[in-house]
Amino acid sequence: MFKQKVGRGLARFMELRGRRIVESESALWHSTDGKMLMSLPYHLALDPEPGEMRNLLRGTGSLGVRYPSITREGTPGGLYVCRDKEYSLKTVQSRLRSKVRRGLEHCEVREVTPSELLGQGLRLNQETMSRQGRYESEFGEALPFARLVGAVDASARITAFGSFIDGILGAYAVTYEEDGWFHILHQMSRLDCLEHYPNHALAYTLTEAALSRPEIVGMSYGLKSLVNTAGLHDFKLRMGFECLSQNMVCELHPMASGMLTSGLASFGLRTVRKCFPRDQRLERVQAVISSARVAKGLVPLEPVMAGSMESEAASQEEVA
């Protein structure tokens, strides 16, 4: 079992989903589709010893690592948190309260059973990703999604909650609780239910319930994303969350770093991005390489195309 105490439940969940889990002196890490490693849990800011990341990359053969830090140079990022133990509708921005109220009137918020998630969740995933112009096979294809649902069911610290409108799943969130923190990891919603504000009802209900419990010291709504999700950023702030400043540090494998962080590679990527400005994969790659260049001290933070560093989850979804 993992030696690290912090984030073990989330690491086990990722492992059940098929992610590779490795451990360093500073943290646990999970693999991503891009052959990168991300540190766990997401709210833990790291300050690794010199050489630790180099040894981790060489030992695992990963392309790079990505982790939040308040001491290391990287791309400006942040973590959405709420620690207001008196959280209520008064905490929500006034212009959003009516939508929350309407969502609470129309929606029943409760735990989602595995069969409900398996039977209805895929549609929500596909419609959410289509609205956002992105695609992940784990959420878009039946077999990988079934594995994720099985991982939720098998993980004691992972729970799915949903907003139901007349028995129809309008929105769902996969949540994780450990070490006094409650996290929303993924959130998806159904297009023809958005008029009933299922996301607003779900986010509010989960936040109020979590922060009312004495053992919960804070709630996290994920890291700022590497891609443009300005609407989601505003939604979280209006729901009463604050964005704590962190640097998102990316370090690449020594064998690839020289080539990928060169000025020529950076110029080439910017040129390609101009041809495909809405391609989120390219936007993510550009953000990672820009962060790696900053971490190496090659240049100050480069201007990435507009909005590319707006609000990980690995994984937070559109709710507006």
C-alpha atoms as a PDB file:
ATOM      1  CA  MET A   1       0.000   0.000   0.000  1.00  0.00           C
ATOM      2  CA  PHE A   2       1.036   3.620  -0.454  1.00  0.00           C
ATOM      3  CA  LYS A   3       3.355   5.124   2.168  1.00  0.00           C
ATOM      4  CA  GLN A   4       1.934   8.597   1.634  1.00  0.00           C
ATOM      5  CA  LYS A   5      -1.011   9.223   3.927  1.00  0.00           C
ATOM      6  CA  VAL A   6      -2.483  12.190   2.049  1.00  0.00           C
ATOM      7  CA  GLY A   7      -4.520  11.336  -1.032  1.00  0.00           C
ATOM      8  CA  ARG A   8      -4.547   7.552  -0.710  1.00  0.00           C
ATOM      9  CA  GLY A   9      -8.288   7.274  -1.330  1.00  0.00           C
ATOM     10  CA  LEU A  10      -8.086   9.335  -4.508  1.00  0.00           C
ATOM     11  CA  ALA A  11      -5.047   7.368  -5.680  1.00  0.00           C
ATOM     12  CA  ARG A  12      -6.939   4.109  -5.224  1.00  0.00           C
ATOM     13  CA  PHE A  13      -9.880   5.509  -7.220  1.00  0.00           C
ATOM     14  CA  MET A  14      -7.551   6.523 -10.044  1.00  0.00           C
ATOM     15  CA  GLU A  15      -5.929   3.089  -9.960  1.00  0.00           C
ATOM     16  CA  LEU A  16      -9.319   1.383 -10.315  1.00  0.00           C
ATOM     17  CA  ARG A  17      -9.971   3.575 -13.360  1.00  0.00           C
ATOM     18  CA  GLY A  18      -6.815   2.250 -14.974  1.00  0.00           C
ATOM     19  CA  ARG A  19      -4.462   5.109 -14.177  1.00  0.00           C
ATOM     20  CA  ARG A  20      -0.887   4.334 -13.230  1.00  0.00           C
ATOM     21  CA  ILE A  21      -0.071   5.354  -9.632  1.00  0.00           C
ATOM     22  CA  VAL A  22       3.467   6.129  -8.503  1.00  0.00           C
ATOM     23  CA  GLU A  23       4.867   7.573  -5.304  1.00  0.00           C
ATOM     24  CA  SER A  24       7.679  10.032  -4.654  1.00  0.00           C
ATOM     25  CA  GLU A  25       8.968  11.608  -1.476  1.00  0.00           C
ATOM     26  CA  SER A  26       6.555  14.542  -1.835  1.00  0.00           C
ATOM     27  CA  ALA A  27       3.321  13.031  -3.097  1.00  0.00           C
ATOM     28  CA  LEU A  28       1.340  10.379  -4.913  1.00  0.00           C
ATOM     29  CA  TRP A  29       0.951  10.781  -8.681  1.00  0.00           C
ATOM     30  CA  HIS A  30      -1.452   9.502 -11.313  1.00  0.00           C
ATOM     31  CA  SER A  31      -0.901   9.183 -15.041  1.00  0.00           C
ATOM     32  CA  THR A  32      -2.882  11.118 -17.658  1.00  0.00           C
ATOM     33  CA  ASP A  33      -3.694  10.454 -21.298  1.00  0.00           C
ATOM     34  CA  GLY A  34      -0.813  12.695 -22.323  1.00  0.00           C
ATOM     35  CA  LYS A  35       1.775  10.523 -20.512  1.00  0.00           C
ATOM     36  CA  MET A  36       2.114  13.158 -17.818  1.00  0.00           C
ATOM     37  CA  LEU A  37       1.932  12.613 -14.059  1.00  0.00           C
ATOM     38  CA  MET A  38      -0.315  14.770 -11.854  1.00  0.00           C
ATOM     39  CA  SER A  39       0.165  15.068  -8.109  1.00  0.00           C
ATOM     40  CA  LEU A  40      -2.468  13.939  -5.614  1.00  0.00           C
ATOM     41  CA  PRO A  41      -4.472  15.291  -3.915  1.00  0.00           C
ATOM     42  CA  TYR A  42      -5.040  18.335  -6.101  1.00  0.00           C
ATOM     43  CA  HIS A  43      -5.190  20.818  -3.213  1.00  0.00           C
ATOM     44  CA  LEU A  44      -1.726  19.863  -1.917  1.00  0.00           C
ATOM     45  CA  ALA A  45       0.881  22.464  -2.927  1.00  0.00           C
ATOM     46  CA  LEU A  46       4.334  20.915  -3.336  1.00  0.00           C
ATOM     47  CA  ASP A  47       7.889  22.137  -2.873  1.00  0.00           C
ATOM     48  CA  PRO A  48       9.938  19.084  -3.930  1.00  0.00           C
ATOM     49  CA  GLU A  49      13.622  18.706  -3.150  1.00  0.00           C
ATOM     50  CA  PRO A  50      16.082  19.374  -5.994  1.00  0.00           C
ATOM     51  CA  GLY A  51      16.398  16.320  -8.198  1.00  0.00           C
ATOM     52  CA  GLU A  52      13.225  14.616  -6.924  1.00  0.00           C
ATOM     53  CA  MET A  53      11.234  15.328 -10.095  1.00  0.00           C
ATOM     54  CA  ARG A  54      14.140  14.366 -12.341  1.00  0.00           C
ATOM     55  CA  ASN A  55      14.453  11.016 -10.552  1.00  0.00           C
ATOM     56  CA  LEU A  56      10.669  10.502 -10.734  1.00  0.00           C
ATOM     57  CA  LEU A  57      10.597  11.153 -14.469  1.00  0.00           C
ATOM     58  CA  ARG A  58      13.567   8.928 -15.204  1.00  0.00           C
ATOM     59  CA  GLY A  59      12.238   6.145 -13.009  1.00  0.00           C
ATOM     60  CA  THR A  60       8.777   6.126 -14.587  1.00  0.00           C
ATOM     61  CA  GLY A  61       9.606   7.119 -18.154  1.00  0.00           C
ATOM     62  CA  SER A  62       6.827   9.728 -18.060  1.00  0.00           C
ATOM     63  CA  LEU A  63       6.917  12.714 -20.389  1.00  0.00           C
ATOM     64  CA  GLY A  64       6.499  15.188 -17.551  1.00  0.00           C
ATOM     65  CA  VAL A  65       4.986  16.055 -14.190  1.00  0.00           C
ATOM     66  CA  ARG A  66       2.417  18.684 -13.297  1.00  0.00           C
ATOM     67  CA  TYR A  67       1.873  19.929  -9.746  1.00  0.00           C
ATOM     68  CA  PRO A  68       0.661  23.032  -7.887  1.00  0.00           C
ATOM     69  CA  SER A  69       3.132  25.068  -5.855  1.00  0.00           C
ATOM     70  CA  ILE A  70       3.316  28.392  -4.085  1.00  0.00           C
ATOM     71  CA  THR A  71       7.133  28.423  -4.037  1.00  0.00           C
ATOM     72  CA  ARG A  72       8.150  27.218  -7.522  1.00  0.00           C
ATOM     73  CA  GLU A  73       8.009  29.177 -10.769  1.00  0.00           C
ATOM     74  CA  GLY A  74       5.207  28.179 -13.097  1.00  0.00           C
ATOM     75  CA  THR A  75       2.096  29.319 -14.883  1.00  0.00           C
ATOM     76  CA  PRO A  76      -0.321  31.308 -12.684  1.00  0.00           C
ATOM     77  CA  GLY A  77      -3.118  29.003 -11.609  1.00  0.00           C
ATOM     78  CA  GLY A  78      -5.310  28.439  -8.624  1.00  0.00           C
ATOM     79  CA  LEU A  79      -7.529  26.206  -6.532  1.00  0.00           C
ATOM     80  CA  TYR A  80     -11.222  26.876  -5.979  1.00  0.00           C
ATOM     81  CA  VAL A  81     -12.051  26.476  -2.296  1.00  0.00           C
ATOM     82  CA  CYS A  82     -14.781  27.382   0.163  1.00  0.00           C
ATOM     83  CA  ARG A  83     -14.216  27.229   3.921  1.00  0.00           C
ATOM     84  CA  ASP A  84     -17.236  29.217   5.083  1.00  0.00           C
ATOM     85  CA  LYS A  85     -18.783  27.109   7.843  1.00  0.00           C
ATOM     86  CA  GLU A  86     -21.847  29.384   7.731  1.00  0.00           C
ATOM     87  CA  TYR A  87     -22.382  28.756   4.025  1.00  0.00           C
ATOM     88  CA  SER A  88     -25.947  29.513   2.909  1.00  0.00           C
ATOM     89  CA  LEU A  89     -27.851  31.191   0.088  1.00  0.00           C
ATOM     90  CA  LYS A  90     -26.548  34.504   1.440  1.00  0.00           C
ATOM     91  CA  THR A  91     -23.059  33.350   0.434  1.00  0.00           C
ATOM     92  CA  VAL A  92     -24.133  32.981  -3.187  1.00  0.00           C
ATOM     93  CA  GLN A  93     -23.907  36.126  -5.318  1.00  0.00           C
ATOM     94  CA  SER A  94     -27.295  37.856  -5.430  1.00  0.00           C
ATOM     95  CA  ARG A  95     -27.732  37.497  -9.210  1.00  0.00           C
ATOM     96  CA  LEU A  96     -27.275  33.726  -8.944  1.00  0.00           C
ATOM     97  CA  ARG A  97     -29.556  33.075  -5.980  1.00  0.00           C
ATOM     98  CA  SER A  98     -32.740  32.941  -8.046  1.00  0.00           C
ATOM     99  CA  LYS A  99     -31.234  30.237 -10.260  1.00  0.00           C
ATOM    100  CA  VAL A 100     -30.189  28.237  -7.216  1.00  0.00           C
ATOM    101  CA  ARG A 101     -33.679  28.573  -5.749  1.00  0.00           C
ATOM    102  CA  ARG A 102     -35.280  27.483  -9.019  1.00  0.00           C
ATOM    103  CA  GLY A 103     -32.926  24.535  -9.198  1.00  0.00           C
ATOM    104  CA  LEU A 104     -33.800  23.494  -5.655  1.00  0.00           C
ATOM    105  CA  GLU A 105     -37.518  23.773  -6.464  1.00  0.00           C
ATOM    106  CA  HIS A 106     -37.305  21.574  -9.561  1.00  0.00           C
ATOM    107  CA  CYS A 107     -34.580  19.103  -8.579  1.00  0.00           C
ATOM    108  CA  GLU A 108     -34.185  16.299  -6.098  1.00  0.00           C
ATOM    109  CA  VAL A 109     -30.530  16.114  -5.069  1.00  0.00           C
ATOM    110  CA  ARG A 110     -29.438  12.729  -3.768  1.00  0.00           C
ATOM    111  CA  GLU A 111     -26.848   9.993  -4.178  1.00  0.00           C
ATOM    112  CA  VAL A 112     -26.803   8.369  -7.619  1.00  0.00           C
ATOM    113  CA  THR A 113     -26.870   4.575  -7.695  1.00  0.00           C
ATOM    114  CA  PRO A 114     -24.378   2.747  -9.944  1.00  0.00           C
ATOM    115  CA  SER A 115     -27.200   1.540 -12.198  1.00  0.00           C
ATOM    116  CA  GLU A 116     -28.566   5.092 -12.584  1.00  0.00           C
ATOM    117  CA  LEU A 117     -25.135   6.474 -13.357  1.00  0.00           C
ATOM    118  CA  LEU A 118     -24.380   3.692 -15.817  1.00  0.00           C
ATOM    119  CA  GLY A 119     -27.768   3.959 -17.497  1.00  0.00           C
ATOM    120  CA  GLN A 120     -28.022   7.746 -17.798  1.00  0.00           C
ATOM    121  CA  GLY A 121     -24.566   9.213 -17.223  1.00  0.00           C
ATOM    122  CA  LEU A 122     -23.070   8.555 -20.658  1.00  0.00           C
ATOM    123  CA  ARG A 123     -25.551  10.901 -22.322  1.00  0.00           C
ATOM    124  CA  LEU A 124     -24.699  13.672 -19.864  1.00  0.00           C
ATOM    125  CA  ASN A 125     -20.993  13.142 -20.503  1.00  0.00           C
ATOM    126  CA  GLN A 126     -21.337  13.279 -24.274  1.00  0.00           C
ATOM    127  CA  GLU A 127     -23.559  16.353 -24.248  1.00  0.00           C
ATOM    128  CA  THR A 128     -21.299  18.213 -21.814  1.00  0.00           C
ATOM    129  CA  MET A 129     -18.173  17.481 -23.833  1.00  0.00           C
ATOM    130  CA  SER A 130     -19.935  18.439 -27.061  1.00  0.00           C
ATOM    131  CA  ARG A 131     -20.888  21.831 -25.585  1.00  0.00           C
ATOM    132  CA  GLN A 132     -17.305  22.359 -24.471  1.00  0.00           C
ATOM    133  CA  GLY A 133     -15.678  21.248 -27.726  1.00  0.00           C
ATOM    134  CA  ARG A 134     -13.630  18.458 -26.153  1.00  0.00           C
ATOM    135  CA  TYR A 135     -13.601  14.686 -25.917  1.00  0.00           C
ATOM    136  CA  GLU A 136     -12.314  12.089 -23.436  1.00  0.00           C
ATOM    137  CA  SER A 137     -12.907   8.417 -24.162  1.00  0.00           C
ATOM    138  CA  GLU A 138     -13.344   7.618 -20.469  1.00  0.00           C
ATOM    139  CA  PHE A 139     -16.502   9.715 -20.433  1.00  0.00           C
ATOM    140  CA  GLY A 140     -17.560   9.328 -24.051  1.00  0.00           C
ATOM    141  CA  GLU A 141     -17.453   5.557 -24.620  1.00  0.00           C
ATOM    142  CA  ALA A 142     -19.529   2.865 -22.938  1.00  0.00           C
ATOM    143  CA  LEU A 143     -16.824   0.450 -21.772  1.00  0.00           C
ATOM    144  CA  PRO A 144     -14.395   3.008 -20.280  1.00  0.00           C
ATOM    145  CA  PHE A 145     -17.291   4.782 -18.593  1.00  0.00           C
ATOM    146  CA  ALA A 146     -18.538   1.502 -17.143  1.00  0.00           C
ATOM    147  CA  ARG A 147     -15.079   1.023 -15.639  1.00  0.00           C
ATOM    148  CA  LEU A 148     -15.261   4.491 -14.082  1.00  0.00           C
ATOM    149  CA  VAL A 149     -18.702   3.737 -12.627  1.00  0.00           C
ATOM    150  CA  GLY A 150     -17.318   0.495 -11.199  1.00  0.00           C
ATOM    151  CA  ALA A 151     -14.433   2.433  -9.657  1.00  0.00           C
ATOM    152  CA  VAL A 152     -16.880   4.831  -8.006  1.00  0.00           C
ATOM    153  CA  ASP A 153     -18.870   1.911  -6.615  1.00  0.00           C
ATOM    154  CA  ALA A 154     -15.727   0.182  -5.303  1.00  0.00           C
ATOM    155  CA  SER A 155     -14.191   3.276  -3.649  1.00  0.00           C
ATOM    156  CA  ALA A 156     -15.283   3.992  -0.090  1.00  0.00           C
ATOM    157  CA  ARG A 157     -14.278   7.664  -0.269  1.00  0.00           C
ATOM    158  CA  ILE A 158     -15.839   8.345  -3.690  1.00  0.00           C
ATOM    159  CA  THR A 159     -19.561   9.084  -4.105  1.00  0.00           C
ATOM    160  CA  ALA A 160     -21.699  10.223  -7.035  1.00  0.00           C
ATOM    161  CA  PHE A 161     -24.504  12.703  -6.352  1.00  0.00           C
ATOM    162  CA  GLY A 162     -27.100  13.888  -8.813  1.00  0.00           C
ATOM    163  CA  SER A 163     -29.892  16.354  -9.501  1.00  0.00           C
ATOM    164  CA  PHE A 164     -33.027  14.551 -10.679  1.00  0.00           C
ATOM    165  CA  ILE A 165     -35.978  16.164 -12.451  1.00  0.00           C
ATOM    166  CA  ASP A 166     -38.977  13.813 -12.385  1.00  0.00           C
ATOM    167  CA  GLY A 167     -36.643  10.834 -12.162  1.00  0.00           C
ATOM    168  CA  ILE A 168     -34.349  12.038 -14.975  1.00  0.00           C
ATOM    169  CA  LEU A 169     -30.702  12.651 -14.123  1.00  0.00           C
ATOM    170  CA  GLY A 170     -30.144  16.290 -15.034  1.00  0.00           C
ATOM    171  CA  ALA A 171     -26.635  16.646 -13.590  1.00  0.00           C
ATOM    172  CA  TYR A 172     -24.219  14.551 -11.575  1.00  0.00           C
ATOM    173  CA  ALA A 173     -20.984  15.079  -9.689  1.00  0.00           C
ATOM    174  CA  VAL A 174     -18.325  12.595  -8.639  1.00  0.00           C
ATOM    175  CA  THR A 175     -17.058  13.595  -5.185  1.00  0.00           C
ATOM    176  CA  TYR A 176     -14.173  12.586  -2.966  1.00  0.00           C
ATOM    177  CA  GLU A 177     -13.775  13.031   0.775  1.00  0.00           C
ATOM    178  CA  GLU A 178     -10.538  12.586   2.728  1.00  0.00           C
ATOM    179  CA  ASP A 179      -8.376  14.318   5.328  1.00  0.00           C
ATOM    180  CA  GLY A 180     -11.099  16.814   6.257  1.00  0.00           C
ATOM    181  CA  TRP A 181     -11.671  17.988   2.676  1.00  0.00           C
ATOM    182  CA  PHE A 182     -14.636  17.433   0.366  1.00  0.00           C
ATOM    183  CA  HIS A 183     -13.854  17.625  -3.364  1.00  0.00           C
ATOM    184  CA  ILE A 184     -15.981  17.810  -6.498  1.00  0.00           C
ATOM    185  CA  LEU A 185     -13.911  15.927  -9.080  1.00  0.00           C
ATOM    186  CA  HIS A 186     -16.164  15.754 -12.154  1.00  0.00           C
ATOM    187  CA  GLN A 187     -19.493  17.337 -13.018  1.00  0.00           C
ATOM    188  CA  MET A 188     -21.674  16.686 -16.071  1.00  0.00           C
ATOM    189  CA  SER A 189     -25.148  17.786 -17.122  1.00  0.00           C
ATOM    190  CA  ARG A 190     -27.907  17.041 -19.620  1.00  0.00           C
ATOM    191  CA  LEU A 191     -28.683  19.683 -22.233  1.00  0.00           C
ATOM    192  CA  ASP A 192     -32.478  19.503 -22.154  1.00  0.00           C
ATOM    193  CA  CYS A 193     -32.501  19.817 -18.350  1.00  0.00           C
ATOM    194  CA  LEU A 194     -30.389  22.979 -18.047  1.00  0.00           C
ATOM    195  CA  GLU A 195     -33.479  25.195 -17.933  1.00  0.00           C
ATOM    196  CA  HIS A 196     -34.168  23.677 -14.502  1.00  0.00           C
ATOM    197  CA  TYR A 197     -30.671  24.611 -13.210  1.00  0.00           C
ATOM    198  CA  PRO A 198     -29.625  21.134 -12.025  1.00  0.00           C
ATOM    199  CA  ASN A 199     -25.968  22.178 -11.745  1.00  0.00           C
ATOM    200  CA  HIS A 200     -26.790  25.097  -9.491  1.00  0.00           C
ATOM    201  CA  ALA A 201     -28.924  22.934  -7.202  1.00  0.00           C
ATOM    202  CA  LEU A 202     -26.271  20.224  -7.086  1.00  0.00           C
ATOM    203  CA  ALA A 203     -23.307  22.501  -6.354  1.00  0.00           C
ATOM    204  CA  TYR A 204     -25.188  24.438  -3.688  1.00  0.00           C
ATOM    205  CA  THR A 205     -26.588  21.375  -1.930  1.00  0.00           C
ATOM    206  CA  LEU A 206     -23.232  19.590  -1.824  1.00  0.00           C
ATOM    207  CA  THR A 207     -21.404  22.681  -0.572  1.00  0.00           C
ATOM    208  CA  GLU A 208     -23.927  23.489   2.144  1.00  0.00           C
ATOM    209  CA  ALA A 209     -24.105  19.881   3.349  1.00  0.00           C
ATOM    210  CA  ALA A 210     -20.335  19.369   3.386  1.00  0.00           C
ATOM    211  CA  LEU A 211     -19.451  22.594   5.193  1.00  0.00           C
ATOM    212  CA  SER A 212     -22.135  22.035   7.832  1.00  0.00           C
ATOM    213  CA  ARG A 213     -20.297  18.936   9.019  1.00  0.00           C
ATOM    214  CA  PRO A 214     -17.783  19.635  11.831  1.00  0.00           C
ATOM    215  CA  GLU A 215     -15.166  17.239  10.452  1.00  0.00           C
ATOM    216  CA  ILE A 216     -14.991  19.043   7.073  1.00  0.00           C
ATOM    217  CA  VAL A 217     -12.551  21.964   7.125  1.00  0.00           C
ATOM    218  CA  GLY A 218     -12.887  22.937   3.472  1.00  0.00           C
ATOM    219  CA  MET A 219     -14.417  22.152   0.123  1.00  0.00           C
ATOM    220  CA  SER A 220     -12.572  22.132  -3.195  1.00  0.00           C
ATOM    221  CA  TYR A 221     -14.123  22.695  -6.611  1.00  0.00           C
ATOM    222  CA  GLY A 222     -10.964  21.774  -8.481  1.00  0.00           C
ATOM    223  CA  LEU A 223      -7.917  23.442  -9.996  1.00  0.00           C
ATOM    224  CA  LYS A 224      -8.000  26.154 -12.611  1.00  0.00           C
ATOM    225  CA  SER A 225      -7.949  24.467 -15.964  1.00  0.00           C
ATOM    226  CA  LEU A 226      -5.289  24.697 -18.654  1.00  0.00           C
ATOM    227  CA  VAL A 227      -7.989  25.641 -21.168  1.00  0.00           C
ATOM    228  CA  ASN A 228     -10.432  28.505 -21.542  1.00  0.00           C
ATOM    229  CA  THR A 229     -13.411  28.020 -19.230  1.00  0.00           C
ATOM    230  CA  ALA A 230     -14.058  31.608 -18.150  1.00  0.00           C
ATOM    231  CA  GLY A 231     -17.789  30.941 -17.650  1.00  0.00           C
ATOM    232  CA  LEU A 232     -17.052  28.160 -15.188  1.00  0.00           C
ATOM    233  CA  HIS A 233     -14.550  30.373 -13.379  1.00  0.00           C
ATOM    234  CA  ASP A 234     -17.228  33.037 -12.851  1.00  0.00           C
ATOM    235  CA  PHE A 235     -19.807  30.456 -11.780  1.00  0.00           C
ATOM    236  CA  LYS A 236     -17.586  29.096  -9.008  1.00  0.00           C
ATOM    237  CA  LEU A 237     -16.787  32.552  -7.674  1.00  0.00           C
ATOM    238  CA  ARG A 238     -20.476  33.510  -7.683  1.00  0.00           C
ATOM    239  CA  MET A 239     -21.315  30.310  -5.824  1.00  0.00           C
ATOM    240  CA  GLY A 240     -19.144  31.521  -2.943  1.00  0.00           C
ATOM    241  CA  PHE A 241     -15.799  29.925  -3.748  1.00  0.00           C
ATOM    242  CA  GLU A 242     -12.509  31.783  -3.848  1.00  0.00           C
ATOM    243  CA  CYS A 243      -9.602  31.025  -6.118  1.00  0.00           C
ATOM    244  CA  LEU A 244      -6.428  30.589  -4.075  1.00  0.00           C
ATOM    245  CA  SER A 245      -3.381  31.545  -6.112  1.00  0.00           C
ATOM    246  CA  GLN A 246      -0.936  28.783  -6.967  1.00  0.00           C
ATOM    247  CA  ASN A 247       1.630  28.280  -9.677  1.00  0.00           C
ATOM    248  CA  MET A 248       1.035  25.308 -11.942  1.00  0.00           C
ATOM    249  CA  VAL A 249       4.505  23.845 -12.385  1.00  0.00           C
ATOM    250  CA  CYS A 250       5.324  21.533 -15.289  1.00  0.00           C
ATOM    251  CA  GLU A 251       8.667  19.751 -15.530  1.00  0.00           C
ATOM    252  CA  LEU A 252       9.492  17.592 -18.544  1.00  0.00           C
ATOM    253  CA  HIS A 253      11.653  14.481 -18.873  1.00  0.00           C
ATOM    254  CA  PRO A 254      15.316  15.456 -19.343  1.00  0.00           C
ATOM    255  CA  MET A 255      15.434  13.616 -22.678  1.00  0.00           C
ATOM    256  CA  ALA A 256      12.515  15.626 -24.070  1.00  0.00           C
ATOM    257  CA  SER A 257      12.810  18.921 -22.243  1.00  0.00           C
ATOM    258  CA  GLY A 258      15.496  20.479 -24.413  1.00  0.00           C
ATOM    259  CA  MET A 259      13.605  19.925 -27.635  1.00  0.00           C
ATOM    260  CA  LEU A 260      10.074  20.694 -26.397  1.00  0.00           C
ATOM    261  CA  THR A 261      11.002  23.881 -24.539  1.00  0.00           C
ATOM    262  CA  SER A 262      13.168  25.334 -27.296  1.00  0.00           C
ATOM    263  CA  GLY A 263      12.253  28.676 -28.806  1.00  0.00           C
ATOM    264  CA  LEU A 264      11.731  27.014 -32.185  1.00  0.00           C
ATOM    265  CA  ALA A 265       9.247  24.490 -30.776  1.00  0.00           C
ATOM    266  CA  SER A 266       7.392  27.240 -28.936  1.00  0.00           C
ATOM    267  CA  PHE A 267       7.167  29.333 -32.098  1.00  0.00           C
ATOM    268  CA  GLY A 268       5.936  26.366 -34.117  1.00  0.00           C
ATOM    269  CA  LEU A 269       3.228  25.552 -31.592  1.00  0.00           C
ATOM    270  CA  ARG A 270       2.001  29.140 -31.524  1.00  0.00           C
ATOM    271  CA  THR A 271       1.781  29.077 -35.314  1.00  0.00           C
ATOM    272  CA  VAL A 272      -0.275  25.878 -35.302  1.00  0.00           C
ATOM    273  CA  ARG A 273      -2.549  27.289 -32.588  1.00  0.00           C
ATOM    274  CA  LYS A 274      -3.380  30.239 -34.799  1.00  0.00           C
ATOM    275  CA  CYS A 275      -4.654  27.793 -37.408  1.00  0.00           C
ATOM    276  CA  PHE A 276      -6.707  25.828 -34.859  1.00  0.00           C
ATOM    277  CA  PRO A 277      -7.558  28.333 -32.098  1.00  0.00           C
ATOM    278  CA  ARG A 278     -10.419  26.246 -30.631  1.00  0.00           C
ATOM    279  CA  ASP A 279      -8.510  22.970 -30.360  1.00  0.00           C
ATOM    280  CA  GLN A 280      -8.312  22.316 -26.613  1.00  0.00           C
ATOM    281  CA  ARG A 281      -5.645  19.635 -26.980  1.00  0.00           C
ATOM    282  CA  LEU A 282      -3.287  22.131 -28.605  1.00  0.00           C
ATOM    283  CA  GLU A 283      -4.244  24.732 -26.013  1.00  0.00           C
ATOM    284  CA  ARG A 284      -3.345  22.288 -23.235  1.00  0.00           C
ATOM    285  CA  VAL A 285      -0.019  21.370 -24.858  1.00  0.00           C
ATOM    286  CA  GLN A 286       0.893  25.030 -25.291  1.00  0.00           C
ATOM    287  CA  ALA A 287       0.085  25.772 -21.654  1.00  0.00           C
ATOM    288  CA  VAL A 288       2.200  22.828 -20.436  1.00  0.00           C
ATOM    289  CA  ILE A 289       5.204  23.819 -22.551  1.00  0.00           C
ATOM    290  CA  SER A 290       4.905  27.478 -21.537  1.00  0.00           C
ATOM    291  CA  SER A 291       4.851  26.424 -17.883  1.00  0.00           C
ATOM    292  CA  ALA A 292       7.868  24.158 -18.435  1.00  0.00           C
ATOM    293  CA  ARG A 293       9.809  27.042 -20.001  1.00  0.00           C
ATOM    294  CA  VAL A 294       9.021  29.239 -17.006  1.00  0.00           C
ATOM    295  CA  ALA A 295       9.987  26.471 -14.570  1.00  0.00           C
ATOM    296  CA  LYS A 296      13.356  26.113 -16.317  1.00  0.00           C
ATOM    297  CA  GLY A 297      13.951  29.847 -16.057  1.00  0.00           C
ATOM    298  CA  LEU A 298      14.215  30.221 -19.824  1.00  0.00           C
ATOM    299  CA  VAL A 299      11.751  33.097 -20.080  1.00  0.00           C
ATOM    300  CA  PRO A 300       9.165  34.951 -18.009  1.00  0.00           C
ATOM    301  CA  LEU A 301       5.635  33.686 -18.387  1.00  0.00           C
ATOM    302  CA  GLU A 302       4.798  33.691 -22.087  1.00  0.00           C
ATOM    303  CA  PRO A 303       1.492  35.127 -23.296  1.00  0.00           C
ATOM    304  CA  VAL A 304      -0.621  32.116 -24.244  1.00  0.00           C
ATOM    305  CA  MET A 305      -3.612  32.670 -26.543  1.00  0.00           C
ATOM    306  CA  ALA A 306      -6.457  34.504 -24.831  1.00  0.00           C
ATOM    307  CA  GLY A 307      -8.053  32.709 -21.932  1.00  0.00           C
ATOM    308  CA  SER A 308      -5.965  29.547 -22.030  1.00  0.00           C
ATOM    309  CA  MET A 309      -5.212  29.592 -18.328  1.00  0.00           C
ATOM    310  CA  GLU A 310      -8.766  30.146 -17.112  1.00  0.00           C
ATOM    311  CA  SER A 311     -10.379  27.642 -14.977  1.00  0.00           C
ATOM    312  CA  GLU A 312      -8.454  19.753 -13.610  1.00  0.00           C
ATOM    313  CA  ALA A 313      -9.910  18.748 -12.878  1.00  0.00           C
ATOM    314  CA  ALA A 314      -8.256  17.476 -14.587  1.00  0.00           C
ATOM    315  CA  SER A 315     -11.868  17.593 -15.119  1.00  0.00           C
ATOM    316  CA  GLN A 316     -14.344  20.348 -14.035  1.00  0.00           C
ATOM    317  CA  GLU A 317     -17.336  20.764 -16.288  1.00  0.00           C
ATOM    318  CA  GLU A 318     -19.530  23.540 -17.697  1.00  0.00           C
ATOM    319  CA  VAL A 319     -22.297  24.547 -15.331  1.00  0.00           C
ATOM    320  CA  ALA A 320     -23.545  27.907 -16.548  1.00  0.00           C
END
